[in-house]
Amino acid sequence: MKVVLQRSKEASVTVDEKVVGQIDKGIVLLVGVTHEDGEEEAAYLADKVVHLRIFEDEEGKMNRSLIEAGGSVLSVSQFTLYGDCRKGRRPNFMAAAKGDQAKSVYDHFNDCLKAKGIQVETGIFGAMMDVSLINDGPVTLILESK
């Protein structure tokens, strides 16, 4: 599993010109699933996301977690994170999990976040989405389960 994490001041995802997910302060997650991923990888990354100290404390140091900061998550499925661009000019997406498996793992990941008390908003799995955010910092990190 691979997650691109962006700390945000506000973010939303729109499908067919309708906002389907929106948060204020928190984290935007672009979530990719590969063939070997399952519930274990999803739970691992959910735990990492909520406890990663990327929010500033009173002294301006990144010392607070998502839970401590009281932030929300906007989680967006993103199979293109497993696009291989090493050969040719068109990405190869063979490393991305097929739809049913990817949706199951992605849903479990979001359920794990919710179980930790995090408000989670999402896009629509498999839809064409427009993601808008104000990246705070900017802080952008890439997390992987392996």
N, C-alpha and C. Protein backbone atom coordinates (compact mmCIF):
# COMPACT_ATOMS: atom_id res chain seq x y z
N MET A 1 0.85 -1.18 0.00
CA MET A 1 0.00 0.00 0.00
C MET A 1 0.88 1.23 0.00
N LYS A 2 0.41 2.23 -0.65
CA LYS A 2 1.15 3.49 -0.73
C LYS A 2 0.16 4.63 -0.48
N VAL A 3 0.58 5.59 0.35
CA VAL A 3 -0.26 6.74 0.67
C VAL A 3 0.56 8.01 0.49
N VAL A 4 0.03 8.95 -0.27
CA VAL A 4 0.59 10.29 -0.32
C VAL A 4 -0.24 11.12 0.65
N LEU A 5 0.44 11.65 1.67
CA LEU A 5 -0.21 12.39 2.75
C LEU A 5 0.11 13.86 2.58
N GLN A 6 -0.92 14.70 2.63
CA GLN A 6 -0.70 16.14 2.55
C GLN A 6 -1.45 16.81 3.69
N ARG A 7 -0.72 17.51 4.53
CA ARG A 7 -1.36 18.27 5.59
C ARG A 7 -2.10 19.43 4.94
N SER A 8 -3.35 19.64 5.34
CA SER A 8 -4.14 20.66 4.65
C SER A 8 -4.90 21.56 5.62
N LYS A 9 -5.14 22.77 5.16
CA LYS A 9 -5.97 23.72 5.90
C LYS A 9 -7.44 23.48 5.58
N GLU A 10 -7.71 23.07 4.35
CA GLU A 10 -9.05 22.69 3.92
C GLU A 10 -8.92 21.90 2.62
N ALA A 11 -9.88 21.02 2.38
CA ALA A 11 -9.82 20.20 1.17
C ALA A 11 -11.21 19.67 0.83
N SER A 12 -11.39 19.36 -0.44
CA SER A 12 -12.66 18.77 -0.88
C SER A 12 -12.42 17.91 -2.10
N VAL A 13 -13.36 17.01 -2.33
CA VAL A 13 -13.35 16.20 -3.54
C VAL A 13 -14.74 16.32 -4.18
N THR A 14 -14.71 16.53 -5.50
CA THR A 14 -15.93 16.76 -6.26
C THR A 14 -16.07 15.69 -7.34
N VAL A 15 -17.29 15.18 -7.50
CA VAL A 15 -17.61 14.23 -8.56
C VAL A 15 -18.83 14.77 -9.29
N ASP A 16 -18.73 14.88 -10.60
CA ASP A 16 -19.84 15.42 -11.41
C ASP A 16 -20.35 16.75 -10.86
N GLU A 17 -19.40 17.63 -10.53
CA GLU A 17 -19.68 18.98 -10.05
C GLU A 17 -20.41 19.03 -8.72
N LYS A 18 -20.40 17.91 -7.96
CA LYS A 18 -21.01 17.86 -6.64
C LYS A 18 -19.94 17.50 -5.62
N VAL A 19 -19.83 18.29 -4.55
CA VAL A 19 -18.88 18.00 -3.48
C VAL A 19 -19.37 16.76 -2.74
N VAL A 20 -18.51 15.72 -2.71
CA VAL A 20 -18.88 14.46 -2.05
C VAL A 20 -18.11 14.23 -0.76
N GLY A 21 -17.05 14.99 -0.55
CA GLY A 21 -16.26 14.91 0.68
C GLY A 21 -15.56 16.22 0.91
N GLN A 22 -15.53 16.67 2.18
CA GLN A 22 -14.93 17.97 2.48
C GLN A 22 -14.46 17.99 3.93
N ILE A 23 -13.27 18.56 4.16
CA ILE A 23 -12.75 18.72 5.52
C ILE A 23 -12.16 20.12 5.70
N ASP A 24 -12.03 20.50 6.96
CA ASP A 24 -11.26 21.69 7.31
C ASP A 24 -9.86 21.20 7.63
N LYS A 25 -9.27 21.63 8.71
CA LYS A 25 -7.89 21.25 9.06
C LYS A 25 -7.76 19.73 9.17
N GLY A 26 -6.71 19.21 8.55
CA GLY A 26 -6.46 17.78 8.64
C GLY A 26 -5.47 17.30 7.61
N ILE A 27 -5.79 16.14 7.06
CA ILE A 27 -4.88 15.47 6.14
C ILE A 27 -5.66 14.97 4.92
N VAL A 28 -5.09 15.20 3.75
CA VAL A 28 -5.60 14.60 2.52
C VAL A 28 -4.72 13.38 2.24
N LEU A 29 -5.37 12.25 1.99
CA LEU A 29 -4.65 11.01 1.71
C LEU A 29 -5.02 10.51 0.32
N LEU A 30 -4.02 10.34 -0.53
CA LEU A 30 -4.20 9.66 -1.81
C LEU A 30 -3.72 8.24 -1.56
N VAL A 31 -4.62 7.26 -1.75
CA VAL A 31 -4.39 5.89 -1.30
C VAL A 31 -4.33 4.94 -2.49
N GLY A 32 -3.19 4.25 -2.62
CA GLY A 32 -3.02 3.25 -3.68
C GLY A 32 -2.85 1.86 -3.08
N VAL A 33 -3.41 0.88 -3.76
CA VAL A 33 -3.38 -0.51 -3.29
C VAL A 33 -2.75 -1.36 -4.38
N THR A 34 -1.83 -2.26 -3.98
CA THR A 34 -1.22 -3.19 -4.91
C THR A 34 -1.68 -4.61 -4.58
N HIS A 35 -1.27 -5.59 -5.40
CA HIS A 35 -1.78 -6.96 -5.32
C HIS A 35 -1.55 -7.66 -3.98
N GLU A 36 -0.44 -7.37 -3.32
CA GLU A 36 -0.11 -8.06 -2.08
C GLU A 36 -0.79 -7.47 -0.86
N ASP A 37 -1.50 -6.36 -1.02
CA ASP A 37 -2.07 -5.66 0.12
C ASP A 37 -3.36 -6.29 0.61
N GLY A 38 -3.53 -6.20 1.94
CA GLY A 38 -4.74 -6.71 2.57
C GLY A 38 -5.02 -5.90 3.83
N GLU A 39 -5.80 -6.50 4.73
CA GLU A 39 -6.21 -5.79 5.94
C GLU A 39 -5.04 -5.42 6.83
N GLU A 40 -4.01 -6.25 6.88
CA GLU A 40 -2.85 -5.98 7.73
C GLU A 40 -2.14 -4.69 7.30
N GLU A 41 -1.93 -4.55 6.00
CA GLU A 41 -1.27 -3.35 5.48
C GLU A 41 -2.14 -2.11 5.71
N ALA A 42 -3.45 -2.26 5.52
CA ALA A 42 -4.37 -1.14 5.74
C ALA A 42 -4.34 -0.69 7.19
N ALA A 43 -4.38 -1.64 8.12
CA ALA A 43 -4.37 -1.30 9.55
C ALA A 43 -3.04 -0.64 9.94
N TYR A 44 -1.94 -1.15 9.41
CA TYR A 44 -0.62 -0.58 9.70
C TYR A 44 -0.55 0.89 9.27
N LEU A 45 -0.98 1.16 8.03
CA LEU A 45 -0.89 2.53 7.53
C LEU A 45 -1.88 3.45 8.23
N ALA A 46 -3.05 2.96 8.57
CA ALA A 46 -4.02 3.79 9.31
C ALA A 46 -3.42 4.21 10.65
N ASP A 47 -2.79 3.28 11.33
CA ASP A 47 -2.15 3.58 12.61
C ASP A 47 -1.03 4.60 12.43
N LYS A 48 -0.24 4.43 11.39
CA LYS A 48 0.86 5.36 11.09
C LYS A 48 0.31 6.76 10.83
N VAL A 49 -0.75 6.86 10.05
CA VAL A 49 -1.33 8.16 9.69
C VAL A 49 -1.81 8.91 10.92
N VAL A 50 -2.54 8.26 11.81
CA VAL A 50 -3.13 8.98 12.94
C VAL A 50 -2.11 9.35 14.01
N HIS A 51 -0.98 8.65 14.06
CA HIS A 51 0.02 8.93 15.09
C HIS A 51 1.25 9.69 14.59
N LEU A 52 1.36 9.90 13.29
CA LEU A 52 2.49 10.63 12.73
C LEU A 52 2.47 12.08 13.23
N ARG A 53 3.57 12.53 13.78
CA ARG A 53 3.62 13.87 14.38
C ARG A 53 4.00 14.90 13.33
N ILE A 54 2.97 15.46 12.68
CA ILE A 54 3.20 16.41 11.59
C ILE A 54 2.48 17.74 11.80
N PHE A 55 1.79 17.88 12.93
CA PHE A 55 1.11 19.14 13.24
C PHE A 55 1.92 19.90 14.28
N GLU A 56 1.93 21.22 14.14
CA GLU A 56 2.75 22.05 15.01
C GLU A 56 2.18 22.16 16.42
N ASP A 57 3.10 22.19 17.38
CA ASP A 57 2.73 22.44 18.77
C ASP A 57 2.81 23.94 19.04
N GLU A 58 2.71 24.33 20.30
CA GLU A 58 2.73 25.74 20.69
C GLU A 58 4.05 26.42 20.33
N GLU A 59 5.11 25.65 20.18
CA GLU A 59 6.42 26.22 19.85
C GLU A 59 6.72 26.19 18.35
N GLY A 60 5.74 25.77 17.56
CA GLY A 60 5.92 25.74 16.11
C GLY A 60 6.65 24.53 15.59
N LYS A 61 6.84 23.51 16.43
CA LYS A 61 7.52 22.28 16.00
C LYS A 61 6.49 21.22 15.64
N MET A 62 6.82 20.43 14.63
CA MET A 62 5.92 19.33 14.25
C MET A 62 6.02 18.26 15.32
N ASN A 63 5.11 18.33 16.28
CA ASN A 63 5.17 17.48 17.46
C ASN A 63 3.82 16.86 17.80
N ARG A 64 2.78 17.20 17.04
CA ARG A 64 1.44 16.73 17.37
C ARG A 64 0.90 15.82 16.27
N SER A 65 0.18 14.82 16.69
CA SER A 65 -0.43 13.87 15.74
C SER A 65 -1.79 14.40 15.27
N LEU A 66 -2.36 13.71 14.32
CA LEU A 66 -3.70 14.05 13.83
C LEU A 66 -4.71 13.99 14.97
N ILE A 67 -4.60 12.98 15.81
CA ILE A 67 -5.51 12.84 16.94
C ILE A 67 -5.35 14.02 17.89
N GLU A 68 -4.11 14.38 18.22
CA GLU A 68 -3.85 15.48 19.14
C GLU A 68 -4.30 16.82 18.57
N ALA A 69 -4.18 16.98 17.26
CA ALA A 69 -4.54 18.23 16.60
C ALA A 69 -6.04 18.33 16.34
N GLY A 70 -6.76 17.24 16.49
CA GLY A 70 -8.20 17.24 16.25
C GLY A 70 -8.56 17.40 14.78
N GLY A 71 -7.70 16.88 13.91
CA GLY A 71 -7.92 17.02 12.47
C GLY A 71 -8.76 15.90 11.89
N SER A 72 -9.18 16.11 10.65
CA SER A 72 -9.98 15.15 9.89
C SER A 72 -9.16 14.60 8.73
N VAL A 73 -9.72 13.61 8.06
CA VAL A 73 -9.07 13.00 6.89
C VAL A 73 -9.99 13.08 5.69
N LEU A 74 -9.42 13.47 4.56
CA LEU A 74 -10.08 13.30 3.27
C LEU A 74 -9.29 12.22 2.54
N SER A 75 -9.91 11.06 2.38
CA SER A 75 -9.25 9.89 1.79
C SER A 75 -9.75 9.69 0.37
N VAL A 76 -8.81 9.61 -0.57
CA VAL A 76 -9.15 9.50 -1.99
C VAL A 76 -8.41 8.31 -2.58
N SER A 77 -9.15 7.37 -3.16
CA SER A 77 -8.51 6.22 -3.82
C SER A 77 -7.73 6.72 -5.04
N GLN A 78 -6.53 6.13 -5.25
CA GLN A 78 -5.64 6.64 -6.29
C GLN A 78 -4.80 5.51 -6.87
N PHE A 79 -5.37 4.75 -7.80
CA PHE A 79 -4.63 3.62 -8.37
C PHE A 79 -3.40 4.07 -9.12
N THR A 80 -3.36 5.32 -9.57
CA THR A 80 -2.22 5.79 -10.36
C THR A 80 -0.93 5.89 -9.54
N LEU A 81 -1.02 5.76 -8.20
CA LEU A 81 0.20 5.73 -7.40
C LEU A 81 1.07 4.52 -7.75
N TYR A 82 0.45 3.51 -8.35
CA TYR A 82 1.20 2.33 -8.77
C TYR A 82 1.46 2.33 -10.28
N GLY A 83 1.47 3.50 -10.87
CA GLY A 83 1.84 3.62 -12.28
C GLY A 83 3.35 3.53 -12.45
N ASP A 84 3.80 2.65 -13.31
CA ASP A 84 5.22 2.47 -13.58
C ASP A 84 5.56 3.22 -14.87
N CYS A 85 6.41 4.21 -14.75
CA CYS A 85 6.76 5.07 -15.88
C CYS A 85 8.18 4.85 -16.37
N ARG A 86 8.79 3.73 -15.98
CA ARG A 86 10.20 3.50 -16.35
C ARG A 86 10.38 3.23 -17.83
N LYS A 87 9.41 2.60 -18.47
CA LYS A 87 9.54 2.28 -19.89
C LYS A 87 8.48 3.02 -20.69
N GLY A 88 8.85 3.45 -21.86
CA GLY A 88 7.89 4.10 -22.75
C GLY A 88 7.38 5.42 -22.22
N ARG A 89 6.26 5.83 -22.78
CA ARG A 89 5.70 7.14 -22.42
C ARG A 89 4.31 7.04 -21.83
N ARG A 90 3.82 5.83 -21.70
CA ARG A 90 2.51 5.63 -21.08
C ARG A 90 2.71 4.81 -19.81
N PRO A 91 2.15 5.27 -18.69
CA PRO A 91 2.30 4.51 -17.44
C PRO A 91 1.69 3.11 -17.55
N ASN A 92 2.35 2.16 -16.90
CA ASN A 92 1.86 0.79 -16.81
C ASN A 92 1.27 0.63 -15.41
N PHE A 93 0.01 0.22 -15.34
CA PHE A 93 -0.68 0.12 -14.05
C PHE A 93 -0.85 -1.32 -13.58
N MET A 94 -0.02 -2.22 -14.08
CA MET A 94 -0.14 -3.64 -13.71
C MET A 94 0.08 -3.89 -12.21
N ALA A 95 0.82 -3.01 -11.53
CA ALA A 95 1.08 -3.21 -10.11
C ALA A 95 -0.11 -2.80 -9.23
N ALA A 96 -1.05 -2.06 -9.80
CA ALA A 96 -2.24 -1.66 -9.03
C ALA A 96 -3.18 -2.85 -8.89
N ALA A 97 -3.76 -3.00 -7.71
CA ALA A 97 -4.71 -4.10 -7.47
C ALA A 97 -5.96 -3.89 -8.32
N LYS A 98 -6.61 -4.98 -8.66
CA LYS A 98 -7.87 -4.91 -9.39
C LYS A 98 -8.93 -4.26 -8.51
N GLY A 99 -9.97 -3.75 -9.12
CA GLY A 99 -10.99 -2.96 -8.45
C GLY A 99 -11.57 -3.56 -7.18
N ASP A 100 -12.02 -4.82 -7.22
CA ASP A 100 -12.67 -5.42 -6.05
C ASP A 100 -11.72 -5.51 -4.87
N GLN A 101 -10.51 -5.98 -5.11
CA GLN A 101 -9.53 -6.09 -4.03
C GLN A 101 -9.16 -4.71 -3.51
N ALA A 102 -8.89 -3.78 -4.42
CA ALA A 102 -8.49 -2.43 -4.02
C ALA A 102 -9.57 -1.75 -3.19
N LYS A 103 -10.82 -1.90 -3.60
CA LYS A 103 -11.92 -1.27 -2.85
C LYS A 103 -12.04 -1.86 -1.46
N SER A 104 -11.90 -3.16 -1.36
CA SER A 104 -11.99 -3.83 -0.06
C SER A 104 -10.89 -3.33 0.89
N VAL A 105 -9.67 -3.25 0.40
CA VAL A 105 -8.54 -2.79 1.23
C VAL A 105 -8.71 -1.31 1.57
N TYR A 106 -9.10 -0.52 0.58
CA TYR A 106 -9.31 0.92 0.79
C TYR A 106 -10.42 1.15 1.83
N ASP A 107 -11.51 0.43 1.72
CA ASP A 107 -12.61 0.56 2.69
C ASP A 107 -12.14 0.18 4.10
N HIS A 108 -11.36 -0.90 4.18
CA HIS A 108 -10.84 -1.33 5.49
C HIS A 108 -9.91 -0.27 6.08
N PHE A 109 -9.08 0.32 5.26
CA PHE A 109 -8.19 1.40 5.68
C PHE A 109 -9.00 2.54 6.30
N ASN A 110 -10.06 2.97 5.61
CA ASN A 110 -10.90 4.06 6.10
C ASN A 110 -11.63 3.65 7.39
N ASP A 111 -12.07 2.40 7.46
CA ASP A 111 -12.72 1.91 8.68
C ASP A 111 -11.75 1.92 9.86
N CYS A 112 -10.49 1.59 9.62
CA CYS A 112 -9.47 1.62 10.67
C CYS A 112 -9.25 3.04 11.18
N LEU A 113 -9.25 4.01 10.27
CA LEU A 113 -9.12 5.41 10.67
C LEU A 113 -10.30 5.83 11.54
N LYS A 114 -11.50 5.47 11.10
CA LYS A 114 -12.72 5.81 11.86
C LYS A 114 -12.71 5.16 13.23
N ALA A 115 -12.22 3.92 13.31
CA ALA A 115 -12.18 3.20 14.59
C ALA A 115 -11.25 3.89 15.59
N LYS A 116 -10.34 4.72 15.10
CA LYS A 116 -9.43 5.46 15.97
C LYS A 116 -10.00 6.83 16.33
N GLY A 117 -11.26 7.07 15.96
CA GLY A 117 -11.94 8.30 16.32
C GLY A 117 -11.74 9.45 15.35
N ILE A 118 -11.26 9.16 14.17
CA ILE A 118 -11.00 10.19 13.17
C ILE A 118 -12.23 10.38 12.28
N GLN A 119 -12.59 11.64 12.02
CA GLN A 119 -13.63 11.92 11.03
C GLN A 119 -13.02 11.70 9.65
N VAL A 120 -13.64 10.83 8.86
CA VAL A 120 -13.12 10.50 7.54
C VAL A 120 -14.16 10.84 6.47
N GLU A 121 -13.75 11.65 5.53
CA GLU A 121 -14.54 11.93 4.34
C GLU A 121 -13.83 11.26 3.17
N THR A 122 -14.58 10.87 2.15
CA THR A 122 -13.97 10.18 1.01
C THR A 122 -14.52 10.73 -0.30
N GLY A 123 -13.84 10.32 -1.36
CA GLY A 123 -14.37 10.51 -2.69
C GLY A 123 -15.27 9.31 -3.00
N ILE A 124 -15.45 9.04 -4.28
CA ILE A 124 -16.21 7.87 -4.72
C ILE A 124 -15.24 6.95 -5.44
N PHE A 125 -15.08 5.74 -4.90
CA PHE A 125 -14.11 4.79 -5.46
C PHE A 125 -14.39 4.57 -6.94
N GLY A 126 -13.35 4.70 -7.75
CA GLY A 126 -13.44 4.43 -9.18
C GLY A 126 -13.97 5.57 -10.03
N ALA A 127 -14.44 6.65 -9.40
CA ALA A 127 -14.99 7.77 -10.16
C ALA A 127 -13.88 8.74 -10.57
N MET A 128 -14.17 9.53 -11.58
CA MET A 128 -13.30 10.66 -11.92
C MET A 128 -13.58 11.74 -10.90
N MET A 129 -12.52 12.18 -10.20
CA MET A 129 -12.70 13.12 -9.10
C MET A 129 -11.80 14.33 -9.29
N ASP A 130 -12.29 15.47 -8.82
CA ASP A 130 -11.50 16.68 -8.74
C ASP A 130 -11.19 16.90 -7.27
N VAL A 131 -9.90 16.94 -6.94
CA VAL A 131 -9.48 17.12 -5.56
C VAL A 131 -8.90 18.52 -5.42
N SER A 132 -9.40 19.24 -4.43
CA SER A 132 -8.94 20.59 -4.17
C SER A 132 -8.45 20.67 -2.74
N LEU A 133 -7.29 21.32 -2.54
CA LEU A 133 -6.80 21.48 -1.18
C LEU A 133 -5.89 22.68 -1.06
N ILE A 134 -5.81 23.17 0.15
CA ILE A 134 -4.79 24.14 0.51
C ILE A 134 -3.80 23.38 1.36
N ASN A 135 -2.64 23.08 0.76
CA ASN A 135 -1.60 22.30 1.44
C ASN A 135 -0.95 23.20 2.49
N ASP A 136 -1.00 22.75 3.72
CA ASP A 136 -0.51 23.52 4.86
C ASP A 136 0.97 23.23 5.08
N GLY A 137 1.81 24.22 4.85
CA GLY A 137 3.24 24.06 5.09
C GLY A 137 4.10 24.52 3.92
N PRO A 138 4.13 23.82 2.83
CA PRO A 138 3.46 22.56 2.54
C PRO A 138 4.15 21.37 3.22
N VAL A 139 3.33 20.47 3.70
CA VAL A 139 3.80 19.21 4.26
C VAL A 139 3.22 18.08 3.41
N THR A 140 4.09 17.36 2.73
CA THR A 140 3.69 16.23 1.90
C THR A 140 4.65 15.09 2.15
N LEU A 141 4.10 13.91 2.48
CA LEU A 141 4.91 12.73 2.78
C LEU A 141 4.37 11.53 2.02
N ILE A 142 5.25 10.58 1.74
CA ILE A 142 4.84 9.32 1.12
C ILE A 142 5.06 8.20 2.12
N LEU A 143 3.99 7.47 2.40
CA LEU A 143 4.05 6.34 3.34
C LEU A 143 3.81 5.05 2.57
N GLU A 144 4.55 4.01 2.93
CA GLU A 144 4.35 2.70 2.31
C GLU A 144 4.27 1.64 3.40
N SER A 145 3.52 0.60 3.11
CA SER A 145 3.31 -0.45 4.11
C SER A 145 4.50 -1.39 4.22
N LYS A 146 5.37 -1.43 3.22
CA LYS A 146 6.51 -2.34 3.28
C LYS A 146 7.79 -1.57 3.47
